[in-house]
PDB file of N, CA and C in Angstrom:
ATOM      1  N   UNK A   1      91.384 102.252 105.290  1.00  0.00           N
ATOM      2  CA  UNK A   1      92.330 101.280 104.677  1.00  0.00           C
ATOM      3  C   UNK A   1      93.443 101.179 104.723  1.00  0.00           C
ATOM      4  N   UNK A   2      94.639 100.790 104.587  1.00  0.00           N
ATOM      5  CA  UNK A   2      95.819 100.225 104.372  1.00  0.00           C
ATOM      6  C   UNK A   2      96.576 100.273 102.361  1.00  0.00           C
ATOM      7  N   UNK A   3      97.456 100.531 102.434  1.00  0.00           N
ATOM      8  CA  UNK A   3      97.515  99.981 100.968  1.00  0.00           C
ATOM      9  C   UNK A   3      99.436  99.794 100.931  1.00  0.00           C
ATOM     10  N   UNK A   4      99.592  98.858 100.354  1.00  0.00           N
ATOM     11  CA  UNK A   4     101.085  98.400 100.484  1.00  0.00           C
ATOM     12  C   UNK A   4     101.642  98.442  99.008  1.00  0.00           C
ATOM     13  N   UNK A   5     102.666  99.541  98.270  1.00  0.00           N
ATOM     14  CA  UNK A   5     102.653  99.164  97.158  1.00  0.00           C
ATOM     15  C   UNK A   5     104.315  98.180  96.660  1.00  0.00           C
ATOM     16  N   UNK A   6     103.803  97.810  95.625  1.00  0.00           N
ATOM     17  CA  UNK A   6     105.047  97.019  95.077  1.00  0.00           C
ATOM     18  C   UNK A   6     105.508  97.519  94.518  1.00  0.00           C
ATOM     19  N   UNK A   7     106.961  97.998  94.601  1.00  0.00           N
ATOM     20  CA  UNK A   7     107.931  98.643  93.778  1.00  0.00           C
ATOM     21  C   UNK A   7     109.159  97.768  93.806  1.00  0.00           C
ATOM     22  N   UNK A   8     109.961  98.729  93.055  1.00  0.00           N
ATOM     23  CA  UNK A   8     111.242  97.910  92.305  1.00  0.00           C
ATOM     24  C   UNK A   8     112.128  98.382  93.008  1.00  0.00           C
ATOM     25  N   UNK A   9     113.269  97.867  93.807  1.00  0.00           N
ATOM     26  CA  UNK A   9     114.662  98.117  94.478  1.00  0.00           C
ATOM     27  C   UNK A   9     115.330  98.687  93.053  1.00  0.00           C
ATOM     28  N   UNK A  10     115.591 100.097  92.601  1.00  0.00           N
ATOM     29  CA  UNK A  10     116.791  99.986  91.852  1.00  0.00           C
ATOM     30  C   UNK A  10     118.295 100.558  92.159  1.00  0.00           C
ATOM     31  N   UNK A  11     118.266 101.311  93.529  1.00  0.00           N
ATOM     32  CA  UNK A  11     118.964 101.167  94.315  1.00  0.00           C
ATOM     33  C   UNK A  11     119.699 101.195  96.149  1.00  0.00           C
ATOM     34  N   UNK A  12     120.660 101.190  96.158  1.00  0.00           N
ATOM     35  CA  UNK A  12     121.289 101.281  97.658  1.00  0.00           C
ATOM     36  C   UNK A  12     121.879 102.409  98.352  1.00  0.00           C
ATOM     37  N   UNK A  13     121.285 103.259  98.985  1.00  0.00           N
ATOM     38  CA  UNK A  13     121.788 104.138  99.381  1.00  0.00           C
ATOM     39  C   UNK A  13     122.999 103.692 100.376  1.00  0.00           C
ATOM     40  N   UNK A  14     122.743 102.861 101.428  1.00  0.00           N
ATOM     41  CA  UNK A  14     123.509 102.076 102.325  1.00  0.00           C
ATOM     42  C   UNK A  14     122.705 101.148 102.891  1.00  0.00           C
ATOM     43  N   UNK A  15     122.955 100.858 104.072  1.00  0.00           N
ATOM     44  CA  UNK A  15     122.288  99.350 104.607  1.00  0.00           C
ATOM     45  C   UNK A  15     120.878  99.658 105.212  1.00  0.00           C
ATOM     46  N   UNK A  16     120.615 100.645 105.086  1.00  0.00           N
ATOM     47  CA  UNK A  16     118.993 100.558 105.577  1.00  0.00           C
ATOM     48  C   UNK A  16     117.835 101.665 104.825  1.00  0.00           C
ATOM     49  N   UNK A  17     118.513 102.053 103.657  1.00  0.00           N
ATOM     50  CA  UNK A  17     117.836 102.785 102.998  1.00  0.00           C
ATOM     51  C   UNK A  17     118.412 102.758 101.347  1.00  0.00           C
ATOM     52  N   UNK A  18     117.246 102.335 100.374  1.00  0.00           N
ATOM     53  CA  UNK A  18     117.278 102.143  98.985  1.00  0.00           C
ATOM     54  C   UNK A  18     116.240 102.621  97.972  1.00  0.00           C
ATOM     55  N   UNK A  19     116.438 103.363  96.965  1.00  0.00           N
ATOM     56  CA  UNK A  19     115.207 104.040  96.080  1.00  0.00           C
ATOM     57  C   UNK A  19     114.961 102.879  95.468  1.00  0.00           C
ATOM     58  N   UNK A  20     113.481 103.555  95.203  1.00  0.00           N
ATOM     59  CA  UNK A  20     112.235 102.310  94.785  1.00  0.00           C
ATOM     60  C   UNK A  20     111.687 102.762  93.454  1.00  0.00           C
ATOM     61  N   UNK A  21     111.373 102.125  92.732  1.00  0.00           N
ATOM     62  CA  UNK A  21     110.688 102.749  92.193  1.00  0.00           C
ATOM     63  C   UNK A  21     108.936 102.054  91.264  1.00  0.00           C
ATOM     64  N   UNK A  22     108.257 103.124  91.565  1.00  0.00           N
ATOM     65  CA  UNK A  22     106.899 103.028  91.046  1.00  0.00           C
ATOM     66  C   UNK A  22     106.048 103.609  89.772  1.00  0.00           C
ATOM     67  N   UNK A  23     106.194 103.099  88.837  1.00  0.00           N
ATOM     68  CA  UNK A  23     105.451 103.908  87.499  1.00  0.00           C
ATOM     69  C   UNK A  23     106.264 104.805  87.335  1.00  0.00           C
ATOM     70  N   UNK A  24     107.370 104.722  86.802  1.00  0.00           N
ATOM     71  CA  UNK A  24     108.911 105.970  87.239  1.00  0.00           C
ATOM     72  C   UNK A  24     109.084 106.832  88.149  1.00  0.00           C
ATOM     73  N   UNK A  25     108.114 106.682  89.163  1.00  0.00           N
ATOM     74  CA  UNK A  25     108.191 107.619  90.440  1.00  0.00           C
ATOM     75  C   UNK A  25     109.398 106.827  90.831  1.00  0.00           C
ATOM     76  N   UNK A  26     110.691 107.452  92.063  1.00  0.00           N
ATOM     77  CA  UNK A  26     111.663 106.869  92.969  1.00  0.00           C
ATOM     78  C   UNK A  26     111.243 107.941  93.646  1.00  0.00           C
ATOM     79  N   UNK A  27     111.564 106.926  94.779  1.00  0.00           N
ATOM     80  CA  UNK A  27     111.253 106.991  96.196  1.00  0.00           C
ATOM     81  C   UNK A  27     112.133 106.282  97.509  1.00  0.00           C
ATOM     82  N   UNK A  28     112.920 107.148  98.093  1.00  0.00           N
ATOM     83  CA  UNK A  28     113.952 106.421  98.792  1.00  0.00           C
ATOM     84  C   UNK A  28     113.007 105.699 100.591  1.00  0.00           C
ATOM     85  N   UNK A  29     113.563 104.357 100.875  1.00  0.00           N
ATOM     86  CA  UNK A  29     112.336 103.820 101.701  1.00  0.00           C
ATOM     87  C   UNK A  29     113.486 103.477 102.846  1.00  0.00           C
ATOM     88  N   UNK A  30     112.985 102.646 103.651  1.00  0.00           N
ATOM     89  CA  UNK A  30     113.501 102.252 105.068  1.00  0.00           C
ATOM     90  C   UNK A  30     113.862 100.582 104.190  1.00  0.00           C
ATOM     91  N   UNK A  31     114.799 100.211 104.572  1.00  0.00           N
ATOM     92  CA  UNK A  31     114.882  98.777 104.364  1.00  0.00           C
ATOM     93  C   UNK A  31     115.341  97.611 105.094  1.00  0.00           C
ATOM     94  N   UNK A  32     115.616  98.230 106.306  1.00  0.00           N
ATOM     95  CA  UNK A  32     115.663  97.424 107.289  1.00  0.00           C
ATOM     96  C   UNK A  32     115.255  96.178 107.399  1.00  0.00           C
ATOM     97  N   UNK A  33     114.371  96.239 107.492  1.00  0.00           N
ATOM     98  CA  UNK A  33     113.339  95.086 107.574  1.00  0.00           C
ATOM     99  C   UNK A  33     113.095  93.817 106.815  1.00  0.00           C
ATOM    100  N   UNK A  34     113.761  93.992 105.991  1.00  0.00           N
ATOM    101  CA  UNK A  34     114.265  93.369 104.664  1.00  0.00           C
ATOM    102  C   UNK A  34     115.735  93.384 104.351  1.00  0.00           C
ATOM    103  N   UNK A  35     116.974  92.939 105.338  1.00  0.00           N
ATOM    104  CA  UNK A  35     118.388  92.987 104.676  1.00  0.00           C
ATOM    105  C   UNK A  35     118.508  92.306 103.526  1.00  0.00           C
ATOM    106  N   UNK A  36     118.144  90.958 103.491  1.00  0.00           N
ATOM    107  CA  UNK A  36     118.504  90.423 102.068  1.00  0.00           C
ATOM    108  C   UNK A  36     118.248  90.945 100.819  1.00  0.00           C
ATOM    109  N   UNK A  37     117.605  92.023 100.998  1.00  0.00           N
ATOM    110  CA  UNK A  37     116.817  92.307  99.459  1.00  0.00           C
ATOM    111  C   UNK A  37     118.175  93.057  98.489  1.00  0.00           C
ATOM    112  N   UNK A  38     117.803  92.915  97.257  1.00  0.00           N
ATOM    113  CA  UNK A  38     118.862  93.347  95.922  1.00  0.00           C
ATOM    114  C   UNK A  38     118.249  94.598  95.438  1.00  0.00           C
ATOM    115  N   UNK A  39     119.171  94.619  94.138  1.00  0.00           N
ATOM    116  CA  UNK A  39     118.164  95.815  93.526  1.00  0.00           C
ATOM    117  C   UNK A  39     117.991  94.939  92.577  1.00  0.00           C
ATOM    118  N   UNK A  40     116.495  95.066  92.006  1.00  0.00           N
ATOM    119  CA  UNK A  40     116.014  94.460  90.812  1.00  0.00           C
ATOM    120  C   UNK A  40     114.545  93.682  91.504  1.00  0.00           C
ATOM    121  N   UNK A  41     115.043  93.692  92.934  1.00  0.00           N
ATOM    122  CA  UNK A  41     113.760  92.565  93.647  1.00  0.00           C
ATOM    123  C   UNK A  41     112.506  93.956  93.489  1.00  0.00           C
ATOM    124  N   UNK A  42     111.194  93.007  93.718  1.00  0.00           N
ATOM    125  CA  UNK A  42     110.458  93.405  94.057  1.00  0.00           C
ATOM    126  C   UNK A  42     110.118  93.910  95.726  1.00  0.00           C
ATOM    127  N   UNK A  43     109.601  94.598  96.373  1.00  0.00           N
ATOM    128  CA  UNK A  43     109.227  94.674  97.596  1.00  0.00           C
ATOM    129  C   UNK A  43     108.038  95.859  97.869  1.00  0.00           C
ATOM    130  N   UNK A  44     106.858  95.010  99.057  1.00  0.00           N
ATOM    131  CA  UNK A  44     106.069  96.117  99.287  1.00  0.00           C
ATOM    132  C   UNK A  44     106.414  97.096  99.901  1.00  0.00           C
ATOM    133  N   UNK A  45     105.491  98.058 100.184  1.00  0.00           N
ATOM    134  CA  UNK A  45     105.914  99.138 100.883  1.00  0.00           C
ATOM    135  C   UNK A  45     104.716 100.109 101.291  1.00  0.00           C
ATOM    136  N   UNK A  46     104.974 100.017 102.618  1.00  0.00           N
ATOM    137  CA  UNK A  46     103.612 100.547 103.329  1.00  0.00           C
ATOM    138  C   UNK A  46     104.138 101.991 104.289  1.00  0.00           C
ATOM    139  N   UNK A  47     103.992 103.055 104.000  1.00  0.00           N
ATOM    140  CA  UNK A  47     104.597 104.469 104.649  1.00  0.00           C
ATOM    141  C   UNK A  47     106.201 104.461 105.306  1.00  0.00           C
ATOM    142  N   UNK A  48     106.837 104.327 104.088  1.00  0.00           N
ATOM    143  CA  UNK A  48     108.001 104.318 103.652  1.00  0.00           C
ATOM    144  C   UNK A  48     109.128 103.266 104.448  1.00  0.00           C
ATOM    145  N   UNK A  49     108.400 101.952 104.261  1.00  0.00           N
ATOM    146  CA  UNK A  49     109.501 100.543 104.599  1.00  0.00           C
ATOM    147  C   UNK A  49     109.302  99.689 103.890  1.00  0.00           C
ATOM    148  N   UNK A  50     110.169  98.846 103.375  1.00  0.00           N
ATOM    149  CA  UNK A  50     109.760  97.773 102.917  1.00  0.00           C
ATOM    150  C   UNK A  50     108.903  96.431 103.987  1.00  0.00           C
ATOM    151  N   UNK A  51     108.085  96.187 103.958  1.00  0.00           N
ATOM    152  CA  UNK A  51     107.585  95.300 104.551  1.00  0.00           C
ATOM    153  C   UNK A  51     107.546  93.823 104.345  1.00  0.00           C
ATOM    154  N   UNK A  52     107.953  93.088 102.965  1.00  0.00           N
ATOM    155  CA  UNK A  52     108.062  92.240 102.616  1.00  0.00           C
ATOM    156  C   UNK A  52     108.378  92.067 100.981  1.00  0.00           C
ATOM    157  N   UNK A  53     109.000  91.632 100.408  1.00  0.00           N
ATOM    158  CA  UNK A  53     109.985  90.925  99.450  1.00  0.00           C
ATOM    159  C   UNK A  53     108.902  89.940  98.770  1.00  0.00           C
ATOM    160  N   UNK A  54     108.614  90.539  97.360  1.00  0.00           N
ATOM    161  CA  UNK A  54     107.343  89.757  96.398  1.00  0.00           C
ATOM    162  C   UNK A  54     108.133  89.176  95.372  1.00  0.00           C
ATOM    163  N   UNK A  55     107.276  88.255  95.033  1.00  0.00           N
ATOM    164  CA  UNK A  55     107.641  87.238  93.510  1.00  0.00           C
ATOM    165  C   UNK A  55     107.210  88.750  92.467  1.00  0.00           C
ATOM    166  N   UNK A  56     108.339  88.376  91.816  1.00  0.00           N
ATOM    167  CA  UNK A  56     108.171  89.404  90.598  1.00  0.00           C
ATOM    168  C   UNK A  56     107.033  89.242  89.549  1.00  0.00           C
ATOM    169  N   UNK A  57     106.419  88.065  89.496  1.00  0.00           N
ATOM    170  CA  UNK A  57     105.301  88.348  88.367  1.00  0.00           C
ATOM    171  C   UNK A  57     104.154  88.573  89.137  1.00  0.00           C
ATOM    172  N   UNK A  58     103.854  88.377  90.675  1.00  0.00           N
ATOM    173  CA  UNK A  58     102.890  88.805  91.466  1.00  0.00           C
ATOM    174  C   UNK A  58     103.028  90.615  91.295  1.00  0.00           C
ATOM    175  N   UNK A  59     104.035  90.836  91.457  1.00  0.00           N
ATOM    176  CA  UNK A  59     104.254  92.435  91.626  1.00  0.00           C
ATOM    177  C   UNK A  59     103.756  92.769  90.418  1.00  0.00           C
ATOM    178  N   UNK A  60     104.273  92.180  89.381  1.00  0.00           N
ATOM    179  CA  UNK A  60     103.993  92.770  88.194  1.00  0.00           C
ATOM    180  C   UNK A  60     102.113  92.641  87.490  1.00  0.00           C
ATOM    181  N   UNK A  61     101.691  91.757  88.227  1.00  0.00           N
ATOM    182  CA  UNK A  61      99.524  91.481  88.297  1.00  0.00           C
ATOM    183  C   UNK A  61      99.529  92.718  89.062  1.00  0.00           C
ATOM    184  N   UNK A  62      99.853  93.192  89.988  1.00  0.00           N
ATOM    185  CA  UNK A  62      99.406  94.304  90.999  1.00  0.00           C
ATOM    186  C   UNK A  62      99.404  95.189  90.283  1.00  0.00           C
ATOM    187  N   UNK A  63     101.025  95.560  89.568  1.00  0.00           N
ATOM    188  CA  UNK A  63     100.883  96.726  89.405  1.00  0.00           C
ATOM    189  C   UNK A  63     100.162  97.081  88.357  1.00  0.00           C
ATOM    190  N   UNK A  64      99.830  96.202  86.923  1.00  0.00           N
ATOM    191  CA  UNK A  64      98.653  95.838  86.211  1.00  0.00           C
ATOM    192  C   UNK A  64      97.292  95.970  86.732  1.00  0.00           C
ATOM    193  N   UNK A  65      96.718  95.897  87.642  1.00  0.00           N
ATOM    194  CA  UNK A  65      95.818  96.408  88.346  1.00  0.00           C
ATOM    195  C   UNK A  65      95.885  97.605  88.823  1.00  0.00           C
ATOM    196  N   UNK A  66      96.463  97.570  88.809  1.00  0.00           N
ATOM    197  CA  UNK A  66      96.714  99.591  89.248  1.00  0.00           C
ATOM    198  C   UNK A  66      96.450 100.522  88.275  1.00  0.00           C
ATOM    199  N   UNK A  67      97.411  99.923  87.717  1.00  0.00           N
ATOM    200  CA  UNK A  67      97.256 100.765  86.171  1.00  0.00           C
ATOM    201  C   UNK A  67      95.990 101.282  85.298  1.00  0.00           C
ATOM    202  N   UNK A  68      94.904  99.303  85.647  1.00  0.00           N
ATOM    203  CA  UNK A  68      93.728  99.285  84.613  1.00  0.00           C
ATOM    204  C   UNK A  68      92.784 100.372  85.787  1.00  0.00           C
ATOM    205  N   UNK A  69      93.445 100.530  87.389  1.00  0.00           N
ATOM    206  CA  UNK A  69      92.215 101.526  87.501  1.00  0.00           C
ATOM    207  C   UNK A  69      92.319 102.469  87.581  1.00  0.00           C
ATOM    208  N   UNK A  70      93.520 102.819  86.934  1.00  0.00           N
ATOM    209  CA  UNK A  70      93.966 104.313  86.893  1.00  0.00           C
ATOM    210  C   UNK A  70      92.893 104.935  85.515  1.00  0.00           C
ATOM    211  N   UNK A  71      93.647 104.156  84.810  1.00  0.00           N
ATOM    212  CA  UNK A  71      92.784 104.436  83.468  1.00  0.00           C
ATOM    213  C   UNK A  71      91.413 104.550  83.732  1.00  0.00           C
ATOM    214  N   UNK A  72      90.265 103.805  84.444  1.00  0.00           N
ATOM    215  CA  UNK A  72      89.163 103.745  84.419  1.00  0.00           C
ATOM    216  C   UNK A  72      88.725 104.948  84.897  1.00  0.00           C
ATOM    217  N   UNK A  73      89.713 105.185  86.046  1.00  0.00           N
ATOM    218  CA  UNK A  73      89.558 106.581  86.794  1.00  0.00           C
ATOM    219  C   UNK A  73      89.601 107.690  85.968  1.00  0.00           C
ATOM    220  N   UNK A  74      90.315 107.758  84.828  1.00  0.00           N
ATOM    221  CA  UNK A  74      90.651 108.883  84.377  1.00  0.00           C
ATOM    222  C   UNK A  74      89.778 108.927  83.023  1.00  0.00           C
ATOM    223  N   UNK A  75      88.667 107.884  83.073  1.00  0.00           N
ATOM    224  CA  UNK A  75      87.710 107.843  82.016  1.00  0.00           C
ATOM    225  C   UNK A  75      86.431 109.380  82.267  1.00  0.00           C
TER     226      UNK A  75
END
């Protein structure tokens, strides 16, 4: 099973790479497939690549599900 995580773009390194954040963890990814993204946009990230730009509300809802799962697993 493959999972793509919603991550928020926090900065650009160049035209093809950016830094994204997920639960306080930052990562550099390839953004070549989505050249029109901007800082503050949410993207789905799979295997180090942004594969789709997503609605901020949808991203926050998905992140909340991940938070709830993490809490449940920690009990």
